[in-house]
Amino acid sequence: MHAELCKTFSNPTRLEILDLLRDGPLSVSELVKKTGVSQANISQHLSVMKSKGVLRGSRKGLNVYYELANPKMLAAFDLIRSVLRERLKEDKKIMDAE
């Protein structure tokens, strides 16, 4: 299960979607505008994320709004991002020292 969930986040568009949903639910059309990715492609990513339990969707009128199924996903996302920033800073120090 752990590996399958991590695979869900192995795509940059899915990571962007996760980050965009940080502040609350967004409709498919809002996600399309914010990412610049086609509606078909966004819908495909949302479907994968929903099937893995990362997102949940709710219909309001003509729109479907997606939100994080569990906000703890953001804590994991932020922790990994922090580790990567530290690594980049360290790599830069090494490069500057050479």
PDB file of N, CA and C in Angstrom:
ATOM      1  N   MET A   1       0.821  -1.195   0.000  1.00  0.00           N
ATOM      2  CA  MET A   1       0.000   0.000   0.000  1.00  0.00           C
ATOM      3  C   MET A   1       0.866   1.260   0.000  1.00  0.00           C
ATOM      4  N   HIS A   2       1.933   1.213   0.795  1.00  0.00           N
ATOM      5  CA  HIS A   2       2.831   2.361   0.895  1.00  0.00           C
ATOM      6  C   HIS A   2       3.439   2.678  -0.470  1.00  0.00           C
ATOM      7  N   ALA A   3       3.941   1.655  -1.125  1.00  0.00           N
ATOM      8  CA  ALA A   3       4.564   1.846  -2.446  1.00  0.00           C
ATOM      9  C   ALA A   3       3.551   2.368  -3.460  1.00  0.00           C
ATOM     10  N   GLU A   4       2.343   1.849  -3.429  1.00  0.00           N
ATOM     11  CA  GLU A   4       1.310   2.292  -4.366  1.00  0.00           C
ATOM     12  C   GLU A   4       0.953   3.758  -4.134  1.00  0.00           C
ATOM     13  N   LEU A   5       0.851   4.157  -2.884  1.00  0.00           N
ATOM     14  CA  LEU A   5       0.550   5.546  -2.576  1.00  0.00           C
ATOM     15  C   LEU A   5       1.698   6.448  -3.042  1.00  0.00           C
ATOM     16  N   CYS A   6       2.927   6.033  -2.782  1.00  0.00           N
ATOM     17  CA  CYS A   6       4.076   6.829  -3.216  1.00  0.00           C
ATOM     18  C   CYS A   6       4.139   6.938  -4.737  1.00  0.00           C
ATOM     19  N   LYS A   7       3.763   5.883  -5.440  1.00  0.00           N
ATOM     20  CA  LYS A   7       3.733   5.927  -6.908  1.00  0.00           C
ATOM     21  C   LYS A   7       2.768   6.993  -7.404  1.00  0.00           C
ATOM     22  N   THR A   8       1.700   7.205  -6.660  1.00  0.00           N
ATOM     23  CA  THR A   8       0.713   8.223  -7.027  1.00  0.00           C
ATOM     24  C   THR A   8       1.379   9.594  -7.126  1.00  0.00           C
ATOM     25  N   PHE A   9       2.403   9.825  -6.316  1.00  0.00           N
ATOM     26  CA  PHE A   9       3.078  11.127  -6.281  1.00  0.00           C
ATOM     27  C   PHE A   9       4.352  11.156  -7.114  1.00  0.00           C
ATOM     28  N   SER A  10       4.501  10.196  -8.000  1.00  0.00           N
ATOM     29  CA  SER A  10       5.707  10.153  -8.836  1.00  0.00           C
ATOM     30  C   SER A  10       5.550  10.979 -10.104  1.00  0.00           C
ATOM     31  N   ASN A  11       4.483  11.750 -10.198  1.00  0.00           N
ATOM     32  CA  ASN A  11       4.212  12.557 -11.379  1.00  0.00           C
ATOM     33  C   ASN A  11       4.171  14.035 -10.984  1.00  0.00           C
ATOM     34  N   PRO A  12       4.913  14.893 -11.687  1.00  0.00           N
ATOM     35  CA  PRO A  12       4.941  16.318 -11.329  1.00  0.00           C
ATOM     36  C   PRO A  12       3.565  16.995 -11.351  1.00  0.00           C
ATOM     37  N   THR A  13       2.706  16.610 -12.267  1.00  0.00           N
ATOM     38  CA  THR A  13       1.372  17.221 -12.325  1.00  0.00           C
ATOM     39  C   THR A  13       0.575  16.862 -11.085  1.00  0.00           C
ATOM     40  N   ARG A  14       0.692  15.632 -10.621  1.00  0.00           N
ATOM     41  CA  ARG A  14      -0.034  15.224  -9.413  1.00  0.00           C
ATOM     42  C   ARG A  14       0.486  15.962  -8.187  1.00  0.00           C
ATOM     43  N   LEU A  15       1.800  16.192  -8.144  1.00  0.00           N
ATOM     44  CA  LEU A  15       2.362  16.969  -7.038  1.00  0.00           C
ATOM     45  C   LEU A  15       1.853  18.405  -7.081  1.00  0.00           C
ATOM     46  N   GLU A  16       1.740  18.958  -8.280  1.00  0.00           N
ATOM     47  CA  GLU A  16       1.210  20.313  -8.413  1.00  0.00           C
ATOM     48  C   GLU A  16      -0.248  20.370  -7.963  1.00  0.00           C
ATOM     49  N   ILE A  17      -1.031  19.370  -8.345  1.00  0.00           N
ATOM     50  CA  ILE A  17      -2.436  19.303  -7.918  1.00  0.00           C
ATOM     51  C   ILE A  17      -2.514  19.249  -6.397  1.00  0.00           C
ATOM     52  N   LEU A  18      -1.702  18.395  -5.795  1.00  0.00           N
ATOM     53  CA  LEU A  18      -1.677  18.283  -4.334  1.00  0.00           C
ATOM     54  C   LEU A  18      -1.388  19.642  -3.700  1.00  0.00           C
ATOM     55  N   ASP A  19      -0.398  20.347  -4.228  1.00  0.00           N
ATOM     56  CA  ASP A  19      -0.032  21.648  -3.682  1.00  0.00           C
ATOM     57  C   ASP A  19      -1.147  22.672  -3.888  1.00  0.00           C
ATOM     58  N   LEU A  20      -1.796  22.639  -5.040  1.00  0.00           N
ATOM     59  CA  LEU A  20      -2.882  23.584  -5.317  1.00  0.00           C
ATOM     60  C   LEU A  20      -4.089  23.360  -4.402  1.00  0.00           C
ATOM     61  N   LEU A  21      -4.302  22.126  -3.989  1.00  0.00           N
ATOM     62  CA  LEU A  21      -5.453  21.818  -3.129  1.00  0.00           C
ATOM     63  C   LEU A  21      -5.166  22.098  -1.655  1.00  0.00           C
ATOM     64  N   ARG A  22      -3.992  22.604  -1.398  1.00  0.00           N
ATOM     65  CA  ARG A  22      -3.569  22.938  -0.030  1.00  0.00           C
ATOM     66  C   ARG A  22      -4.565  23.890   0.653  1.00  0.00           C
ATOM     67  N   ASP A  23      -5.069  24.852  -0.087  1.00  0.00           N
ATOM     68  CA  ASP A  23      -5.935  25.880   0.505  1.00  0.00           C
ATOM     69  C   ASP A  23      -7.422  25.561   0.412  1.00  0.00           C
ATOM     70  N   GLY A  24      -7.753  24.376  -0.097  1.00  0.00           N
ATOM     71  CA  GLY A  24      -9.151  23.997  -0.153  1.00  0.00           C
ATOM     72  C   GLY A  24      -9.542  23.450  -1.511  1.00  0.00           C
ATOM     73  N   PRO A  25     -10.796  23.039  -1.619  1.00  0.00           N
ATOM     74  CA  PRO A  25     -11.276  22.387  -2.842  1.00  0.00           C
ATOM     75  C   PRO A  25     -11.202  23.303  -4.067  1.00  0.00           C
ATOM     76  N   LEU A  26     -10.942  22.685  -5.214  1.00  0.00           N
ATOM     77  CA  LEU A  26     -10.952  23.382  -6.497  1.00  0.00           C
ATOM     78  C   LEU A  26     -11.708  22.532  -7.511  1.00  0.00           C
ATOM     79  N   SER A  27     -12.340  23.213  -8.451  1.00  0.00           N
ATOM     80  CA  SER A  27     -13.034  22.496  -9.522  1.00  0.00           C
ATOM     81  C   SER A  27     -12.024  22.058 -10.576  1.00  0.00           C
ATOM     82  N   VAL A  28     -12.451  21.166 -11.429  1.00  0.00           N
ATOM     83  CA  VAL A  28     -11.603  20.698 -12.521  1.00  0.00           C
ATOM     84  C   VAL A  28     -11.178  21.886 -13.385  1.00  0.00           C
ATOM     85  N   SER A  29     -12.119  22.763 -13.712  1.00  0.00           N
ATOM     86  CA  SER A  29     -11.781  23.906 -14.571  1.00  0.00           C
ATOM     87  C   SER A  29     -10.790  24.850 -13.886  1.00  0.00           C
ATOM     88  N   GLU A  30     -10.888  25.016 -12.576  1.00  0.00           N
ATOM     89  CA  GLU A  30      -9.912  25.840 -11.853  1.00  0.00           C
ATOM     90  C   GLU A  30      -8.528  25.206 -11.894  1.00  0.00           C
ATOM     91  N   LEU A  31      -8.476  23.884 -11.744  1.00  0.00           N
ATOM     92  CA  LEU A  31      -7.195  23.180 -11.817  1.00  0.00           C
ATOM     93  C   LEU A  31      -6.586  23.284 -13.211  1.00  0.00           C
ATOM     94  N   VAL A  32      -7.424  23.217 -14.240  1.00  0.00           N
ATOM     95  CA  VAL A  32      -6.947  23.360 -15.618  1.00  0.00           C
ATOM     96  C   VAL A  32      -6.307  24.738 -15.798  1.00  0.00           C
ATOM     97  N   LYS A  33      -6.982  25.775 -15.321  1.00  0.00           N
ATOM     98  CA  LYS A  33      -6.469  27.153 -15.448  1.00  0.00           C
ATOM     99  C   LYS A  33      -5.155  27.327 -14.694  1.00  0.00           C
ATOM    100  N   LYS A  34      -5.096  26.804 -13.479  1.00  0.00           N
ATOM    101  CA  LYS A  34      -3.917  27.011 -12.636  1.00  0.00           C
ATOM    102  C   LYS A  34      -2.702  26.211 -13.098  1.00  0.00           C
ATOM    103  N   THR A  35      -2.940  25.052 -13.724  1.00  0.00           N
ATOM    104  CA  THR A  35      -1.819  24.211 -14.143  1.00  0.00           C
ATOM    105  C   THR A  35      -1.436  24.409 -15.598  1.00  0.00           C
ATOM    106  N   GLY A  36      -2.396  24.838 -16.424  1.00  0.00           N
ATOM    107  CA  GLY A  36      -2.134  24.944 -17.859  1.00  0.00           C
ATOM    108  C   GLY A  36      -2.155  23.598 -18.559  1.00  0.00           C
ATOM    109  N   VAL A  37      -2.634  22.582 -17.859  1.00  0.00           N
ATOM    110  CA  VAL A  37      -2.722  21.219 -18.401  1.00  0.00           C
ATOM    111  C   VAL A  37      -4.129  21.021 -18.951  1.00  0.00           C
ATOM    112  N   SER A  38      -4.254  20.226 -20.001  1.00  0.00           N
ATOM    113  CA  SER A  38      -5.568  20.017 -20.617  1.00  0.00           C
ATOM    114  C   SER A  38      -6.550  19.378 -19.634  1.00  0.00           C
ATOM    115  N   GLN A  39      -7.832  19.608 -19.886  1.00  0.00           N
ATOM    116  CA  GLN A  39      -8.863  19.050 -19.016  1.00  0.00           C
ATOM    117  C   GLN A  39      -8.811  17.525 -19.005  1.00  0.00           C
ATOM    118  N   ALA A  40      -8.588  16.922 -20.170  1.00  0.00           N
ATOM    119  CA  ALA A  40      -8.520  15.462 -20.244  1.00  0.00           C
ATOM    120  C   ALA A  40      -7.373  14.928 -19.382  1.00  0.00           C
ATOM    121  N   ASN A  41      -6.236  15.612 -19.435  1.00  0.00           N
ATOM    122  CA  ASN A  41      -5.075  15.177 -18.671  1.00  0.00           C
ATOM    123  C   ASN A  41      -5.305  15.368 -17.176  1.00  0.00           C
ATOM    124  N   ILE A  42      -5.854  16.521 -16.794  1.00  0.00           N
ATOM    125  CA  ILE A  42      -6.156  16.777 -15.374  1.00  0.00           C
ATOM    126  C   ILE A  42      -7.142  15.730 -14.864  1.00  0.00           C
ATOM    127  N   SER A  43      -8.169  15.453 -15.650  1.00  0.00           N
ATOM    128  CA  SER A  43      -9.181  14.472 -15.238  1.00  0.00           C
ATOM    129  C   SER A  43      -8.552  13.101 -15.018  1.00  0.00           C
ATOM    130  N   GLN A  44      -7.607  12.750 -15.867  1.00  0.00           N
ATOM    131  CA  GLN A  44      -6.917  11.468 -15.727  1.00  0.00           C
ATOM    132  C   GLN A  44      -6.142  11.412 -14.402  1.00  0.00           C
ATOM    133  N   HIS A  45      -5.412  12.484 -14.105  1.00  0.00           N
ATOM    134  CA  HIS A  45      -4.643  12.535 -12.856  1.00  0.00           C
ATOM    135  C   HIS A  45      -5.565  12.525 -11.641  1.00  0.00           C
ATOM    136  N   LEU A  46      -6.651  13.270 -11.716  1.00  0.00           N
ATOM    137  CA  LEU A  46      -7.602  13.299 -10.598  1.00  0.00           C
ATOM    138  C   LEU A  46      -8.201  11.919 -10.362  1.00  0.00           C
ATOM    139  N   SER A  47      -8.481  11.206 -11.436  1.00  0.00           N
ATOM    140  CA  SER A  47      -9.036   9.857 -11.327  1.00  0.00           C
ATOM    141  C   SER A  47      -8.073   8.921 -10.607  1.00  0.00           C
ATOM    142  N   VAL A  48      -6.801   8.997 -10.975  1.00  0.00           N
ATOM    143  CA  VAL A  48      -5.787   8.155 -10.314  1.00  0.00           C
ATOM    144  C   VAL A  48      -5.708   8.512  -8.833  1.00  0.00           C
ATOM    145  N   MET A  49      -5.639   9.798  -8.544  1.00  0.00           N
ATOM    146  CA  MET A  49      -5.505  10.235  -7.150  1.00  0.00           C
ATOM    147  C   MET A  49      -6.734   9.874  -6.319  1.00  0.00           C
ATOM    148  N   LYS A  50      -7.893   9.947  -6.929  1.00  0.00           N
ATOM    149  CA  LYS A  50      -9.127   9.573  -6.237  1.00  0.00           C
ATOM    150  C   LYS A  50      -9.165   8.068  -5.978  1.00  0.00           C
ATOM    151  N   SER A  51      -8.761   7.286  -6.970  1.00  0.00           N
ATOM    152  CA  SER A  51      -8.791   5.825  -6.814  1.00  0.00           C
ATOM    153  C   SER A  51      -7.824   5.338  -5.737  1.00  0.00           C
ATOM    154  N   LYS A  52      -6.768   6.103  -5.477  1.00  0.00           N
ATOM    155  CA  LYS A  52      -5.791   5.733  -4.446  1.00  0.00           C
ATOM    156  C   LYS A  52      -6.144   6.323  -3.083  1.00  0.00           C
ATOM    157  N   GLY A  53      -7.276   7.039  -3.012  1.00  0.00           N
ATOM    158  CA  GLY A  53      -7.720   7.583  -1.735  1.00  0.00           C
ATOM    159  C   GLY A  53      -7.048   8.879  -1.342  1.00  0.00           C
ATOM    160  N   VAL A  54      -6.362   9.528  -2.288  1.00  0.00           N
ATOM    161  CA  VAL A  54      -5.685  10.780  -2.001  1.00  0.00           C
ATOM    162  C   VAL A  54      -6.674  11.946  -2.035  1.00  0.00           C
ATOM    163  N   LEU A  55      -7.618  11.887  -2.968  1.00  0.00           N
ATOM    164  CA  LEU A  55      -8.607  12.942  -3.142  1.00  0.00           C
ATOM    165  C   LEU A  55     -10.012  12.399  -3.002  1.00  0.00           C
ATOM    166  N   ARG A  56     -10.918  13.321  -2.782  1.00  0.00           N
ATOM    167  CA  ARG A  56     -12.336  13.002  -2.894  1.00  0.00           C
ATOM    168  C   ARG A  56     -12.987  14.143  -3.671  1.00  0.00           C
ATOM    169  N   GLY A  57     -14.023  13.799  -4.383  1.00  0.00           N
ATOM    170  CA  GLY A  57     -14.705  14.784  -5.198  1.00  0.00           C
ATOM    171  C   GLY A  57     -16.148  14.933  -4.776  1.00  0.00           C
ATOM    172  N   SER A  58     -16.679  16.129  -4.990  1.00  0.00           N
ATOM    173  CA  SER A  58     -18.100  16.367  -4.708  1.00  0.00           C
ATOM    174  C   SER A  58     -18.654  17.275  -5.802  1.00  0.00           C
ATOM    175  N   ARG A  59     -19.834  16.923  -6.246  1.00  0.00           N
ATOM    176  CA  ARG A  59     -20.481  17.677  -7.324  1.00  0.00           C
ATOM    177  C   ARG A  59     -21.287  18.822  -6.718  1.00  0.00           C
ATOM    178  N   LYS A  60     -21.092  19.999  -7.307  1.00  0.00           N
ATOM    179  CA  LYS A  60     -21.878  21.181  -6.941  1.00  0.00           C
ATOM    180  C   LYS A  60     -22.342  21.801  -8.245  1.00  0.00           C
ATOM    181  N   GLY A  61     -23.588  21.605  -8.553  1.00  0.00           N
ATOM    182  CA  GLY A  61     -24.109  22.088  -9.835  1.00  0.00           C
ATOM    183  C   GLY A  61     -23.468  21.339 -10.978  1.00  0.00           C
ATOM    184  N   LEU A  62     -22.879  22.067 -11.905  1.00  0.00           N
ATOM    185  CA  LEU A  62     -22.235  21.447 -13.063  1.00  0.00           C
ATOM    186  C   LEU A  62     -20.778  21.082 -12.805  1.00  0.00           C
ATOM    187  N   ASN A  63     -20.243  21.536 -11.684  1.00  0.00           N
ATOM    188  CA  ASN A  63     -18.818  21.336 -11.406  1.00  0.00           C
ATOM    189  C   ASN A  63     -18.572  20.237 -10.382  1.00  0.00           C
ATOM    190  N   VAL A  64     -17.417  19.589 -10.528  1.00  0.00           N
ATOM    191  CA  VAL A  64     -16.935  18.653  -9.518  1.00  0.00           C
ATOM    192  C   VAL A  64     -15.750  19.323  -8.841  1.00  0.00           C
ATOM    193  N   TYR A  65     -15.799  19.390  -7.519  1.00  0.00           N
ATOM    194  CA  TYR A  65     -14.726  19.983  -6.732  1.00  0.00           C
ATOM    195  C   TYR A  65     -13.942  18.868  -6.058  1.00  0.00           C
ATOM    196  N   TYR A  66     -12.626  18.985  -6.114  1.00  0.00           N
ATOM    197  CA  TYR A  66     -11.753  17.989  -5.502  1.00  0.00           C
ATOM    198  C   TYR A  66     -11.054  18.597  -4.298  1.00  0.00           C
ATOM    199  N   GLU A  67     -10.869  17.750  -3.291  1.00  0.00           N
ATOM    200  CA  GLU A  67     -10.148  18.154  -2.091  1.00  0.00           C
ATOM    201  C   GLU A  67      -9.345  16.966  -1.587  1.00  0.00           C
ATOM    202  N   LEU A  68      -8.395  17.256  -0.716  1.00  0.00           N
ATOM    203  CA  LEU A  68      -7.580  16.195  -0.138  1.00  0.00           C
ATOM    204  C   LEU A  68      -8.433  15.324   0.778  1.00  0.00           C
ATOM    205  N   ALA A  69      -8.260  14.034   0.660  1.00  0.00           N
ATOM    206  CA  ALA A  69      -9.005  13.111   1.511  1.00  0.00           C
ATOM    207  C   ALA A  69      -8.466  13.138   2.939  1.00  0.00           C
ATOM    208  N   ASN A  70      -7.172  13.436   3.063  1.00  0.00           N
ATOM    209  CA  ASN A  70      -6.546  13.480   4.382  1.00  0.00           C
ATOM    210  C   ASN A  70      -5.472  14.571   4.369  1.00  0.00           C
ATOM    211  N   PRO A  71      -5.609  15.598   5.189  1.00  0.00           N
ATOM    212  CA  PRO A  71      -4.640  16.699   5.187  1.00  0.00           C
ATOM    213  C   PRO A  71      -3.230  16.282   5.600  1.00  0.00           C
ATOM    214  N   LYS A  72      -3.078  15.119   6.199  1.00  0.00           N
ATOM    215  CA  LYS A  72      -1.742  14.645   6.575  1.00  0.00           C
ATOM    216  C   LYS A  72      -0.864  14.429   5.350  1.00  0.00           C
ATOM    217  N   MET A  73      -1.503  14.280   4.174  1.00  0.00           N
ATOM    218  CA  MET A  73      -0.734  14.137   2.927  1.00  0.00           C
ATOM    219  C   MET A  73       0.152  15.361   2.722  1.00  0.00           C
ATOM    220  N   LEU A  74      -0.353  16.532   3.105  1.00  0.00           N
ATOM    221  CA  LEU A  74       0.427  17.758   2.958  1.00  0.00           C
ATOM    222  C   LEU A  74       1.650  17.758   3.865  1.00  0.00           C
ATOM    223  N   ALA A  75       1.515  17.187   5.044  1.00  0.00           N
ATOM    224  CA  ALA A  75       2.658  17.115   5.957  1.00  0.00           C
ATOM    225  C   ALA A  75       3.768  16.271   5.332  1.00  0.00           C
ATOM    226  N   ALA A  76       3.391  15.164   4.717  1.00  0.00           N
ATOM    227  CA  ALA A  76       4.380  14.314   4.043  1.00  0.00           C
ATOM    228  C   ALA A  76       4.994  15.051   2.860  1.00  0.00           C
ATOM    229  N   PHE A  77       4.157  15.704   2.077  1.00  0.00           N
ATOM    230  CA  PHE A  77       4.595  16.494   0.919  1.00  0.00           C
ATOM    231  C   PHE A  77       5.599  17.563   1.367  1.00  0.00           C
ATOM    232  N   ASP A  78       5.250  18.300   2.416  1.00  0.00           N
ATOM    233  CA  ASP A  78       6.104  19.379   2.902  1.00  0.00           C
ATOM    234  C   ASP A  78       7.414  18.856   3.474  1.00  0.00           C
ATOM    235  N   LEU A  79       7.373  17.717   4.141  1.00  0.00           N
ATOM    236  CA  LEU A  79       8.584  17.127   4.702  1.00  0.00           C
ATOM    237  C   LEU A  79       9.554  16.732   3.588  1.00  0.00           C
ATOM    238  N   ILE A  80       9.054  16.086   2.566  1.00  0.00           N
ATOM    239  CA  ILE A  80       9.904  15.683   1.444  1.00  0.00           C
ATOM    240  C   ILE A  80      10.465  16.921   0.746  1.00  0.00           C
ATOM    241  N   ARG A  81       9.645  17.930   0.543  1.00  0.00           N
ATOM    242  CA  ARG A  81      10.105  19.179  -0.093  1.00  0.00           C
ATOM    243  C   ARG A  81      11.211  19.818   0.746  1.00  0.00           C
ATOM    244  N   SER A  82      11.067  19.807   2.064  1.00  0.00           N
ATOM    245  CA  SER A  82      12.078  20.375   2.956  1.00  0.00           C
ATOM    246  C   SER A  82      13.401  19.610   2.840  1.00  0.00           C
ATOM    247  N   VAL A  83      13.319  18.306   2.805  1.00  0.00           N
ATOM    248  CA  VAL A  83      14.520  17.474   2.658  1.00  0.00           C
ATOM    249  C   VAL A  83      15.218  17.794   1.337  1.00  0.00           C
ATOM    250  N   LEU A  84      14.438  17.935   0.269  1.00  0.00           N
ATOM    251  CA  LEU A  84      15.023  18.242  -1.041  1.00  0.00           C
ATOM    252  C   LEU A  84      15.677  19.624  -1.058  1.00  0.00           C
ATOM    253  N   ARG A  85      15.061  20.598  -0.408  1.00  0.00           N
ATOM    254  CA  ARG A  85      15.666  21.936  -0.328  1.00  0.00           C
ATOM    255  C   ARG A  85      17.004  21.879   0.409  1.00  0.00           C
ATOM    256  N   GLU A  86      17.039  21.142   1.512  1.00  0.00           N
ATOM    257  CA  GLU A  86      18.291  20.997   2.266  1.00  0.00           C
ATOM    258  C   GLU A  86      19.357  20.343   1.397  1.00  0.00           C
ATOM    259  N   ARG A  87      18.959  19.341   0.663  1.00  0.00           N
ATOM    260  CA  ARG A  87      19.906  18.644  -0.214  1.00  0.00           C
ATOM    261  C   ARG A  87      20.436  19.584  -1.298  1.00  0.00           C
ATOM    262  N   LEU A  88      19.565  20.396  -1.891  1.00  0.00           N
ATOM    263  CA  LEU A  88      19.999  21.345  -2.916  1.00  0.00           C
ATOM    264  C   LEU A  88      20.955  22.387  -2.341  1.00  0.00           C
ATOM    265  N   LYS A  89      20.671  22.856  -1.130  1.00  0.00           N
ATOM    266  CA  LYS A  89      21.568  23.818  -0.481  1.00  0.00           C
ATOM    267  C   LYS A  89      22.937  23.186  -0.244  1.00  0.00           C
ATOM    268  N   GLU A  90      22.943  21.950   0.213  1.00  0.00           N
ATOM    269  CA  GLU A  90      24.198  21.252   0.462  1.00  0.00           C
ATOM    270  C   GLU A  90      24.972  21.038  -0.847  1.00  0.00           C
ATOM    271  N   ASP A  91      24.252  20.642  -1.895  1.00  0.00           N
ATOM    272  CA  ASP A  91      24.893  20.458  -3.200  1.00  0.00           C
ATOM    273  C   ASP A  91      25.490  21.771  -3.696  1.00  0.00           C
ATOM    274  N   LYS A  92      24.782  22.879  -3.459  1.00  0.00           N
ATOM    275  CA  LYS A  92      25.285  24.192  -3.880  1.00  0.00           C
ATOM    276  C   LYS A  92      26.548  24.547  -3.118  1.00  0.00           C
ATOM    277  N   LYS A  93      26.569  24.260  -1.827  1.00  0.00           N
ATOM    278  CA  LYS A  93      27.777  24.533  -1.021  1.00  0.00           C
ATOM    279  C   LYS A  93      28.963  23.754  -1.561  1.00  0.00           C
ATOM    280  N   ILE A  94      28.715  22.499  -1.924  1.00  0.00           N
ATOM    281  CA  ILE A  94      29.795  21.665  -2.460  1.00  0.00           C
ATOM    282  C   ILE A  94      30.292  22.225  -3.789  1.00  0.00           C
ATOM    283  N   MET A  95      29.345  22.634  -4.647  1.00  0.00           N
ATOM    284  CA  MET A  95      29.705  23.190  -5.942  1.00  0.00           C
ATOM    285  C   MET A  95      30.481  24.507  -5.776  1.00  0.00           C
ATOM    286  N   ASP A  96      30.050  25.337  -4.837  1.00  0.00           N
ATOM    287  CA  ASP A  96      30.722  26.621  -4.608  1.00  0.00           C
ATOM    288  C   ASP A  96      32.130  26.423  -4.050  1.00  0.00           C
ATOM    289  N   ALA A  97      32.334  25.343  -3.299  1.00  0.00           N
ATOM    290  CA  ALA A  97      33.640  25.073  -2.689  1.00  0.00           C
ATOM    291  C   ALA A  97      34.628  24.518  -3.713  1.00  0.00           C
ATOM    292  N   GLU A  98      34.148  24.009  -4.808  1.00  0.00           N
ATOM    293  CA  GLU A  98      35.066  23.405  -5.796  1.00  0.00           C
ATOM    294  C   GLU A  98      35.715  24.405  -6.666  1.00  0.00           C
TER     295      GLU A  98
END
